Amino acid sequence: MIKTQIIKENNRPVAVILDYNEYRRLKEIEQDKADYRSAIAVKMKAKKWTTHAALKKQLGI
């Protein structure tokens, strides 16, 4: 694994070099958070909810 490196300019961090797998892992976390926030927003807007069991019964599953 490549060690994370911080690039500085005038003693201030301006960029980061990190392992590609770590980058992918962080992007997945970011996407999971976005999905979660989207689900919460939909749930807050919904007026009526159906339980999983009721939905299965309705669909005849």
Foldseek 3Di string as FASTA:
>chain_A
DDDKDFDDDPNHTDDIDDDPVVVVVVVVVVVVVVVVVVVVVVVVPDPDDDDPVRVCVVVVD
